Amino acid sequence: MTKKVKFMETILRDAHQSLIATRMSTEEMLPILKTLDEAGYESLEVWGGATFDASLRYLNEDPWERLRAIRKEVKNTKLQMLLRGQNLLGYKHYADDVVEAFIEKALANGIDTIRVFDALNDIRNLETAIKSIRKFGGHCQAAICYTTSEVHTVSYYVNLVKEMEELGAQSICIKDMAGILTPNNAYELIKALKDITALPIEVHTHATSGISEMTYLKSVEAGADIIDTAISPFAGGTSQPSTESMSIALEGIGYETGLNIEKLKEIADYFRPIKDKYLQNEVLNPKVLATEPNTLLYQVPGGMLSNLLSQMKEAHAEDKYEEVLREVPRVRADLGYPPLVTPMSQMVGTQAFMNVLNGERYKMIPKEIKDYVKGSYGQSPVPIAEEIRHKIIGEEKTLSGRPADLIKPEMEKYREELGDLAESTEDVLMYALFPQLAETYLKKRKDPFYDIPVQTVAVTM
């Protein structure tokens, strides 16, 4: 029997997040949705990640409205989103009632599958999300954040997946956010996972380091069920491998993909001028399309590389780029080898930058790093050395329990703070995640001229 490999298309979320900082508008998406729905994908990734933040911050759009608009057009294909566990789509832990309310509304507004991960692979930070996804009838895909270190072995990931399945995961994603999963490691890991679970396995990688297509081929050979790809105009570089290319290659060696190549051509033709527009207005920097083998050496995700570059540019310290890249693995080792994924990638990168810029390690320490060392984000994969811990937080105590257990219910507080600006629970959740951005957006919705000063006109008789 021909083995079928399913595809998830990332064009409406991760592809444009990776290449153009999530700037594609809903208006640009709407005309092609019916064709995307007819192309034969297993699912479309349409929401989560930075879509919420960018919609409010840059596009003056309601992210909930985008989801509803997409769901209205996409009738047959599953809609998928990415969720940062107890962090939801923000950068801190939220109370359990906020997590539960957010998941209930995400599913009610059109999401079918929620891929949920924790930046530290701390299973305690996934408990509420996984239970809520199951409670409200969604498909729960639990993601392991793939990284390499002395502790991140095949047996580490096998044990993690066993725990995820016990908690209620219905499928597993190997989330390689940095593009560092090598073909051989992918093969070994998926073979080992297939021995201990019958859950479908999806593989997510980025093309940053130049090995992603080989990684997908070996993943499929090992038994991976689904791969994440991007339609060709928004493929490659810090995005995913090309949907059309992977489909043609896999079908050429005997796999079935279920994708309609004519529809894929139509979709690519539609997005080509959109890509050209973003190249011309310089939102798409050609640098993010380049192959970066240093990713494999320093384990630095593409998005983190571009973030570091902009930080160094602002500080007129571009000449220290290589030095900062070398410092990143050292800081990561000091902090117990956290996977470099949001928010840890930004935190580790900033600390490495500060260490190099100041010429002294840990002379300046961001609040987020102190909170992490205290245990506010969860448990580090490897215990942090006493010397480093003392250097960062001195005599302060560390937390040992689940961080969210210390947070009291918050939904009522947010409701009260927002008052009559909120017309729905969705508005309250928007405010919970991004208070300043949401307040500005909701005030403008109520009064488009609220932030324009009233001018006094002198009348002469």
Protein backbone atom coordinates (compact mmCIF):
# COMPACT_ATOMS: atom_id res chain seq x y z
CA MET A 1 0.00 0.00 0.00
CA THR A 2 1.30 3.48 -0.91
CA LYS A 3 2.23 5.46 2.18
CA LYS A 4 0.54 8.86 2.37
CA VAL A 5 2.43 11.89 3.63
CA LYS A 6 0.18 14.76 4.67
CA PHE A 7 1.11 18.43 4.41
CA MET A 8 0.42 21.41 6.62
CA GLU A 9 0.70 24.75 4.77
CA THR A 10 2.31 27.60 6.75
CA ILE A 11 1.78 30.53 4.33
CA LEU A 12 -0.91 32.16 6.49
CA ARG A 13 1.17 32.06 9.71
CA ASP A 14 4.76 30.85 10.08
CA ALA A 15 5.94 31.51 6.51
CA HIS A 16 5.13 35.22 6.62
CA GLN A 17 6.08 35.45 10.31
CA SER A 18 9.53 34.10 9.45
CA LEU A 19 10.12 36.23 6.33
CA ILE A 20 8.16 39.48 6.77
CA ALA A 21 7.59 39.68 10.54
CA THR A 22 3.91 38.64 10.24
CA ARG A 23 2.93 41.69 8.19
CA MET A 24 0.57 40.03 5.71
CA SER A 25 -2.92 41.46 6.12
CA THR A 26 -6.23 39.60 6.19
CA GLU A 27 -7.20 41.46 3.02
CA GLU A 28 -4.22 39.90 1.22
CA MET A 29 -5.23 36.42 2.39
CA LEU A 30 -8.96 36.39 1.61
CA PRO A 31 -8.94 36.06 -2.23
CA ILE A 32 -6.89 32.82 -2.21
CA LEU A 33 -8.54 31.00 0.72
CA LYS A 34 -10.97 28.94 -1.38
CA THR A 35 -8.08 27.68 -3.56
CA LEU A 36 -6.03 26.82 -0.46
CA ASP A 37 -9.07 24.90 0.79
CA GLU A 38 -9.22 22.89 -2.47
CA ALA A 39 -5.49 22.05 -2.71
CA GLY A 40 -5.57 18.87 -0.60
CA TYR A 41 -3.76 19.99 2.54
CA GLU A 42 -4.20 18.19 5.84
CA SER A 43 -4.36 21.58 7.56
CA LEU A 44 -3.61 25.28 7.18
CA GLU A 45 -1.71 27.08 9.91
CA VAL A 46 -3.53 30.39 10.20
CA TRP A 47 -3.20 31.76 13.73
CA GLY A 48 -1.08 31.91 16.87
CA GLY A 49 2.60 32.71 17.14
CA ALA A 50 3.01 36.44 16.47
CA THR A 51 -0.22 36.92 14.47
CA PHE A 52 -2.08 38.42 17.44
CA ASP A 53 0.67 40.87 18.34
CA ALA A 54 1.33 41.97 14.71
CA SER A 55 -2.38 42.38 13.88
CA LEU A 56 -2.83 44.86 16.71
CA ARG A 57 0.60 46.51 16.64
CA TYR A 58 1.09 47.05 12.92
CA LEU A 59 -2.08 46.23 10.95
CA ASN A 60 -4.86 47.77 13.05
CA GLU A 61 -6.74 44.49 12.71
CA ASP A 62 -8.77 42.39 15.12
CA PRO A 63 -7.03 38.99 15.18
CA TRP A 64 -10.30 37.28 16.17
CA GLU A 65 -11.99 38.79 13.13
CA ARG A 66 -9.20 37.40 10.91
CA LEU A 67 -9.82 33.91 12.27
CA ARG A 68 -13.57 34.17 11.69
CA ALA A 69 -13.03 35.50 8.14
CA ILE A 70 -10.72 32.59 7.28
CA ARG A 71 -13.09 30.01 8.79
CA LYS A 72 -15.95 31.42 6.71
CA GLU A 73 -14.06 30.66 3.47
CA VAL A 74 -12.25 27.43 4.43
CA LYS A 75 -14.92 24.70 4.65
CA ASN A 76 -12.99 21.43 4.21
CA THR A 77 -9.46 21.88 5.54
CA LYS A 78 -8.53 21.90 9.23
CA LEU A 79 -7.37 25.22 10.66
CA GLN A 80 -4.42 25.05 13.01
CA MET A 81 -2.76 27.44 15.45
CA LEU A 82 0.39 27.61 17.58
CA LEU A 83 0.06 28.21 21.33
CA ARG A 84 2.86 28.78 23.86
CA GLY A 85 1.30 26.73 26.67
CA GLN A 86 0.76 28.77 29.82
CA ASN A 87 2.14 31.84 27.94
CA LEU A 88 -0.67 31.60 25.33
CA LEU A 89 0.47 34.14 22.70
CA GLY A 90 2.16 36.52 25.12
CA TYR A 91 5.51 36.51 26.88
CA LYS A 92 4.55 35.66 30.48
CA HIS A 93 2.50 33.03 32.28
CA TYR A 94 -1.24 33.62 32.59
CA ALA A 95 -3.66 32.29 35.18
CA ASP A 96 -5.44 29.02 34.40
CA ASP A 97 -8.79 30.74 33.89
CA VAL A 98 -7.29 32.95 31.14
CA VAL A 99 -5.72 29.92 29.43
CA GLU A 100 -9.00 28.01 29.55
CA ALA A 101 -11.07 30.98 28.29
CA PHE A 102 -8.63 31.66 25.45
CA ILE A 103 -8.66 28.06 24.24
CA GLU A 104 -12.47 27.87 24.46
CA LYS A 105 -12.78 30.99 22.27
CA ALA A 106 -10.06 29.96 19.80
CA LEU A 107 -11.94 26.73 19.12
CA ALA A 108 -15.35 28.47 19.04
CA ASN A 109 -14.09 30.98 16.46
CA GLY A 110 -12.83 28.36 14.02
CA ILE A 111 -9.62 26.61 15.11
CA ASP A 112 -9.61 22.79 14.83
CA THR A 113 -6.08 21.84 15.92
CA ILE A 114 -3.98 23.56 18.57
CA ARG A 115 -0.26 22.86 18.58
CA VAL A 116 0.88 23.60 22.11
CA PHE A 117 4.47 23.85 23.35
CA ASP A 118 6.47 25.09 26.31
CA ALA A 119 9.79 26.86 25.75
CA LEU A 120 11.48 24.68 28.40
CA ASN A 121 9.65 21.43 27.56
CA ASP A 122 8.34 21.69 31.14
CA ILE A 123 5.28 19.46 31.00
CA ARG A 124 3.66 21.27 33.95
CA ASN A 125 3.28 24.36 31.76
CA LEU A 126 1.22 22.33 29.25
CA GLU A 127 -1.25 20.69 31.66
CA THR A 128 -3.99 23.34 31.63
CA ALA A 129 -3.75 23.93 27.88
CA ILE A 130 -3.94 20.22 27.00
CA LYS A 131 -6.89 19.62 29.34
CA SER A 132 -8.72 22.69 27.98
CA ILE A 133 -8.20 21.71 24.31
CA ARG A 134 -9.70 18.29 25.03
CA LYS A 135 -12.50 19.76 27.18
CA PHE A 136 -13.69 22.10 24.41
CA GLY A 137 -13.46 19.55 21.60
CA GLY A 138 -10.27 20.58 19.80
CA HIS A 139 -7.49 18.33 18.54
CA CYS A 140 -4.49 18.66 20.86
CA GLN A 141 -1.10 18.42 19.20
CA ALA A 142 1.69 18.54 21.79
CA ALA A 143 5.03 19.81 20.49
CA ILE A 144 8.50 18.97 21.74
CA CYS A 145 10.89 21.89 21.26
CA TYR A 146 13.82 20.22 19.57
CA THR A 147 17.30 21.24 20.64
CA THR A 148 20.63 19.56 21.28
CA SER A 149 22.69 19.43 24.48
CA GLU A 150 24.13 16.88 26.88
CA VAL A 151 20.61 16.27 28.26
CA HIS A 152 18.53 16.43 25.06
CA THR A 153 18.99 12.82 23.96
CA VAL A 154 16.61 10.49 22.12
CA SER A 155 15.58 8.92 25.45
CA TYR A 156 14.83 12.41 26.86
CA TYR A 157 12.39 13.06 24.00
CA VAL A 158 10.89 9.56 24.23
CA ASN A 159 10.08 10.12 27.92
CA LEU A 160 8.66 13.57 27.12
CA VAL A 161 6.31 12.13 24.48
CA LYS A 162 5.15 9.41 26.90
CA GLU A 163 4.20 12.13 29.41
CA MET A 164 2.44 14.16 26.71
CA GLU A 165 0.38 11.16 25.64
CA GLU A 166 -0.59 10.46 29.26
CA LEU A 167 -1.74 14.08 29.63
CA GLY A 168 -4.04 13.75 26.60
CA ALA A 169 -2.05 14.71 23.48
CA GLN A 170 -3.71 13.38 20.29
CA SER A 171 -0.72 13.92 18.00
CA ILE A 172 2.92 14.90 18.44
CA CYS A 173 4.96 17.58 16.69
CA ILE A 174 8.74 17.66 16.57
CA LYS A 175 9.17 21.43 16.53
CA ASP A 176 12.60 22.33 15.17
CA MET A 177 12.38 26.11 15.36
CA ALA A 178 16.06 26.69 14.56
CA GLY A 179 16.49 24.36 11.57
CA ILE A 180 19.10 22.28 13.45
CA LEU A 181 17.43 18.85 13.21
CA THR A 182 19.84 16.91 10.99
CA PRO A 183 18.56 14.15 8.67
CA ASN A 184 20.13 11.33 10.68
CA ASN A 185 18.93 12.67 14.04
CA ALA A 186 15.42 13.06 12.62
CA TYR A 187 15.43 9.45 11.43
CA GLU A 188 16.64 8.09 14.79
CA LEU A 189 14.22 10.20 16.83
CA ILE A 190 11.12 9.36 14.76
CA LYS A 191 11.98 5.65 14.69
CA ALA A 192 12.27 5.70 18.50
CA LEU A 193 8.97 7.60 18.90
CA LYS A 194 7.15 5.25 16.53
CA ASP A 195 8.23 2.35 18.81
CA ILE A 196 6.49 3.86 21.85
CA THR A 197 3.43 5.66 20.47
CA ALA A 198 0.74 5.19 17.83
CA LEU A 199 0.00 8.94 17.79
CA PRO A 200 0.51 10.71 14.43
CA ILE A 201 3.87 12.51 14.23
CA GLU A 202 4.25 15.86 12.48
CA VAL A 203 7.66 17.42 11.75
CA HIS A 204 8.25 21.17 11.67
CA THR A 205 11.58 22.67 10.61
CA HIS A 206 13.01 25.78 8.98
CA ALA A 207 15.18 25.99 5.87
CA THR A 208 17.68 28.35 7.54
CA SER A 209 20.65 25.99 7.66
CA GLY A 210 20.19 24.44 4.22
CA ILE A 211 19.36 20.86 5.25
CA SER A 212 15.58 20.95 5.72
CA GLU A 213 14.54 18.99 2.61
CA MET A 214 16.93 16.16 3.55
CA THR A 215 15.56 16.24 7.10
CA TYR A 216 12.01 15.89 5.77
CA LEU A 217 12.95 13.01 3.47
CA LYS A 218 14.58 11.05 6.31
CA SER A 219 11.64 11.92 8.61
CA VAL A 220 9.18 10.49 6.09
CA GLU A 221 11.35 7.38 5.63
CA ALA A 222 11.26 6.89 9.41
CA GLY A 223 7.44 7.09 9.43
CA ALA A 224 6.54 10.77 9.95
CA ASP A 225 2.88 11.32 9.05
CA ILE A 226 2.78 15.08 8.36
CA ILE A 227 5.34 17.72 7.32
CA ASP A 228 5.07 21.52 7.47
CA THR A 229 5.84 23.39 4.23
CA ALA A 230 5.36 26.86 2.70
CA ILE A 231 4.11 27.70 -0.79
CA SER A 232 7.21 28.53 -2.91
CA PRO A 233 7.16 32.38 -2.99
CA PHE A 234 7.36 32.40 0.82
CA ALA A 235 9.53 29.27 1.20
CA GLY A 236 13.23 28.87 2.00
CA GLY A 237 15.55 30.91 4.19
CA THR A 238 14.12 31.30 7.68
CA SER A 239 10.76 29.90 6.45
CA GLN A 240 9.90 26.26 5.60
CA PRO A 241 10.84 24.19 2.52
CA SER A 242 8.66 24.65 -0.58
CA THR A 243 5.32 22.83 -0.64
CA GLU A 244 5.42 22.13 -4.40
CA SER A 245 9.03 20.92 -4.41
CA MET A 246 8.54 18.54 -1.48
CA SER A 247 5.31 17.19 -2.97
CA ILE A 248 6.87 16.54 -6.39
CA ALA A 249 9.98 14.95 -4.83
CA LEU A 250 8.00 12.64 -2.51
CA GLU A 251 5.52 11.58 -5.20
CA GLY A 252 8.49 10.87 -7.49
CA ILE A 253 9.77 8.23 -5.08
CA GLY A 254 6.42 6.57 -4.48
CA TYR A 255 4.69 8.49 -1.69
CA GLU A 256 1.18 9.88 -2.01
CA THR A 257 0.63 13.48 -0.89
CA GLY A 258 -2.97 14.15 -1.94
CA LEU A 259 -1.96 17.63 -3.15
CA ASN A 260 -3.32 19.10 -6.37
CA ILE A 261 -0.30 20.52 -8.24
CA GLU A 262 -2.47 22.78 -10.42
CA LYS A 263 -4.03 24.36 -7.34
CA LEU A 264 -0.55 24.78 -5.83
CA LYS A 265 0.58 26.61 -8.98
CA GLU A 266 -2.43 28.91 -8.68
CA ILE A 267 -1.61 29.62 -5.02
CA ALA A 268 2.06 30.32 -5.85
CA ASP A 269 1.06 32.66 -8.68
CA TYR A 270 -1.18 34.55 -6.29
CA PHE A 271 1.52 35.06 -3.62
CA ARG A 272 4.38 35.94 -6.02
CA PRO A 273 3.39 39.62 -6.50
CA ILE A 274 2.70 39.89 -2.76
CA LYS A 275 6.26 38.75 -2.09
CA ASP A 276 7.56 41.27 -4.67
CA LYS A 277 5.65 44.05 -2.90
CA TYR A 278 7.30 43.23 0.43
CA LEU A 279 10.73 43.04 -1.23
CA GLN A 280 10.23 46.45 -2.82
CA ASN A 281 9.06 48.14 0.39
CA GLU A 282 11.98 46.44 2.22
CA VAL A 283 9.80 44.63 4.77
CA LEU A 284 11.28 41.44 3.27
CA ASN A 285 15.04 41.66 3.80
CA PRO A 286 16.83 39.40 1.26
CA LYS A 287 19.21 38.37 4.07
CA VAL A 288 16.51 36.17 5.63
CA LEU A 289 16.40 34.15 2.38
CA ALA A 290 20.09 33.24 2.63
CA THR A 291 21.40 29.87 3.82
CA GLU A 292 23.11 30.19 7.20
CA PRO A 293 25.22 27.12 8.15
CA ASN A 294 26.25 28.94 11.37
CA THR A 295 22.80 27.96 12.61
CA LEU A 296 24.09 24.39 12.92
CA LEU A 297 27.23 25.55 14.73
CA TYR A 298 25.65 28.01 17.19
CA GLN A 299 22.11 26.54 17.41
CA VAL A 300 20.65 30.00 16.82
CA PRO A 301 17.21 30.18 15.11
CA GLY A 302 16.88 32.47 12.08
CA GLY A 303 14.47 34.85 13.83
CA MET A 304 16.92 35.16 16.71
CA LEU A 305 19.76 35.93 14.28
CA SER A 306 17.83 38.81 12.71
CA ASN A 307 16.81 40.09 16.17
CA LEU A 308 20.46 40.07 17.30
CA LEU A 309 21.51 41.88 14.12
CA SER A 310 19.00 44.68 14.69
CA GLN A 311 20.04 45.01 18.37
CA MET A 312 23.69 45.33 17.33
CA LYS A 313 22.83 47.83 14.59
CA GLU A 314 21.04 50.06 17.12
CA ALA A 315 24.06 49.92 19.42
CA HIS A 316 26.50 50.47 16.49
CA ALA A 317 28.15 47.17 17.44
CA GLU A 318 27.78 45.13 14.22
CA ASP A 319 31.50 44.31 14.40
CA LYS A 320 30.77 42.16 17.48
CA TYR A 321 28.38 39.83 15.60
CA GLU A 322 30.66 36.76 15.59
CA GLU A 323 31.63 37.34 19.22
CA VAL A 324 27.96 37.49 20.28
CA LEU A 325 27.20 34.32 18.28
CA ARG A 326 30.00 32.52 20.14
CA GLU A 327 28.66 33.82 23.47
CA VAL A 328 25.11 32.49 22.86
CA PRO A 329 25.99 28.77 23.46
CA ARG A 330 27.94 29.75 26.60
CA VAL A 331 24.99 31.65 28.08
CA ARG A 332 22.67 28.81 27.12
CA ALA A 333 24.93 26.30 28.94
CA ASP A 334 25.05 28.59 32.01
CA LEU A 335 21.24 28.72 32.06
CA GLY A 336 20.76 24.94 31.95
CA TYR A 337 20.42 24.45 28.16
CA PRO A 338 16.96 25.94 27.49
CA PRO A 339 15.72 25.37 23.91
CA LEU A 340 16.11 28.56 21.89
CA VAL A 341 12.46 29.31 21.20
CA THR A 342 10.26 32.30 22.17
CA PRO A 343 10.69 33.71 24.78
CA MET A 344 13.98 31.95 25.70
CA SER A 345 15.68 32.75 22.38
CA GLN A 346 15.18 36.49 22.86
CA MET A 347 16.30 36.30 26.50
CA VAL A 348 19.46 34.28 25.86
CA GLY A 349 20.34 36.45 22.83
CA THR A 350 19.93 39.69 24.81
CA GLN A 351 22.07 38.37 27.69
CA ALA A 352 24.81 37.24 25.29
CA PHE A 353 24.72 40.66 23.62
CA MET A 354 24.98 42.46 26.98
CA ASN A 355 27.87 40.23 28.09
CA VAL A 356 29.88 41.08 24.97
CA LEU A 357 28.93 44.77 24.88
CA ASN A 358 29.91 45.33 28.53
CA GLY A 359 33.11 43.33 28.27
CA GLU A 360 32.08 41.52 31.46
CA ARG A 361 29.77 38.54 31.76
CA TYR A 362 26.53 39.14 33.72
CA LYS A 363 27.45 42.72 34.66
CA MET A 364 23.98 43.70 33.39
CA ILE A 365 21.13 41.21 33.70
CA PRO A 366 17.61 41.70 32.28
CA LYS A 367 14.67 41.15 34.65
CA GLU A 368 13.44 38.25 32.47
CA ILE A 369 16.70 36.35 32.99
CA LYS A 370 16.44 36.86 36.76
CA ASP A 371 12.84 35.61 36.71
CA TYR A 372 13.90 32.58 34.67
CA VAL A 373 16.68 31.68 37.13
CA LYS A 374 14.17 32.05 39.99
CA GLY A 375 11.98 29.45 38.27
CA SER A 376 9.19 31.78 37.16
CA TYR A 377 9.14 30.27 33.65
CA GLY A 378 9.46 26.65 34.77
CA GLN A 379 12.26 24.20 35.34
CA SER A 380 15.50 24.47 33.36
CA PRO A 381 16.39 21.21 31.52
CA VAL A 382 19.65 20.97 33.52
CA PRO A 383 20.04 22.45 37.04
CA ILE A 384 21.76 25.86 36.96
CA ALA A 385 25.17 25.88 38.68
CA GLU A 386 25.14 27.51 42.12
CA GLU A 387 27.85 30.00 41.07
CA ILE A 388 25.79 31.24 38.09
CA ARG A 389 22.57 31.28 40.11
CA HIS A 390 24.23 33.40 42.82
CA LYS A 391 25.71 35.78 40.25
CA ILE A 392 22.26 36.37 38.72
CA ILE A 393 19.84 36.39 41.69
CA GLY A 394 22.12 36.49 44.75
CA GLU A 395 20.37 35.12 47.84
CA GLU A 396 16.84 35.25 46.38
CA LYS A 397 14.80 32.05 46.67
CA THR A 398 13.89 29.88 43.70
CA LEU A 399 10.43 28.44 42.99
CA SER A 400 10.00 24.69 42.84
CA GLY A 401 6.31 24.26 41.92
CA ARG A 402 4.32 24.93 38.75
CA PRO A 403 4.68 28.71 38.15
CA ALA A 404 0.98 29.21 37.29
CA ASP A 405 -0.05 27.88 40.72
CA LEU A 406 1.09 31.24 42.12
CA ILE A 407 -1.22 33.23 39.81
CA LYS A 408 -4.75 33.96 41.04
CA PRO A 409 -7.65 33.94 38.53
CA GLU A 410 -7.41 37.02 36.31
CA MET A 411 -10.37 37.15 33.90
CA GLU A 412 -12.66 39.21 36.18
CA LYS A 413 -9.86 41.68 36.89
CA TYR A 414 -9.29 42.20 33.13
CA ARG A 415 -13.04 42.56 32.56
CA GLU A 416 -13.28 45.28 35.20
CA GLU A 417 -10.20 47.11 33.92
CA LEU A 418 -11.57 47.20 30.37
CA GLY A 419 -15.09 48.21 31.39
CA ASP A 420 -17.46 49.15 28.57
CA LEU A 421 -14.68 49.02 25.95
CA ALA A 422 -15.16 45.25 25.93
CA GLU A 423 -18.01 43.98 23.77
CA SER A 424 -17.08 40.30 24.12
CA THR A 425 -14.90 37.81 26.00
CA GLU A 426 -12.63 37.89 22.93
CA ASP A 427 -12.00 41.61 23.60
CA VAL A 428 -11.13 40.85 27.24
CA LEU A 429 -8.68 38.14 26.12
CA MET A 430 -7.09 40.51 23.61
CA TYR A 431 -6.57 42.96 26.48
CA ALA A 432 -5.24 40.23 28.81
CA LEU A 433 -2.53 39.34 26.31
CA PHE A 434 -1.58 42.78 25.00
CA PRO A 435 -3.06 45.43 27.34
CA GLN A 436 -1.72 48.63 25.72
CA LEU A 437 -2.17 47.49 22.12
CA ALA A 438 -5.67 46.17 22.78
CA GLU A 439 -6.79 49.28 24.67
CA THR A 440 -5.66 51.51 21.80
CA TYR A 441 -7.35 49.28 19.22
CA LEU A 442 -10.63 49.08 21.18
CA LYS A 443 -10.73 52.83 21.80
CA LYS A 444 -10.24 53.44 18.08
CA ARG A 445 -12.98 50.96 17.30
CA LYS A 446 -15.33 52.90 19.55
CA ASP A 447 -14.18 56.32 18.36
CA PRO A 448 -11.91 56.46 15.27
CA PHE A 449 -10.79 59.97 16.26
CA TYR A 450 -10.20 59.34 19.97
CA ASP A 451 -6.43 60.00 19.77
CA ILE A 452 -6.64 63.10 17.57
CA PRO A 453 -6.36 66.29 19.66
CA VAL A 454 -9.27 68.69 19.40
CA GLN A 455 -8.15 71.90 17.71
CA THR A 456 -9.45 75.23 18.89
CA VAL A 457 -10.21 77.69 16.14
CA ALA A 458 -10.13 81.38 16.92
CA VAL A 459 -13.16 83.12 15.45
CA THR A 460 -12.63 86.71 14.36
CA MET A 461 -15.66 89.02 14.23
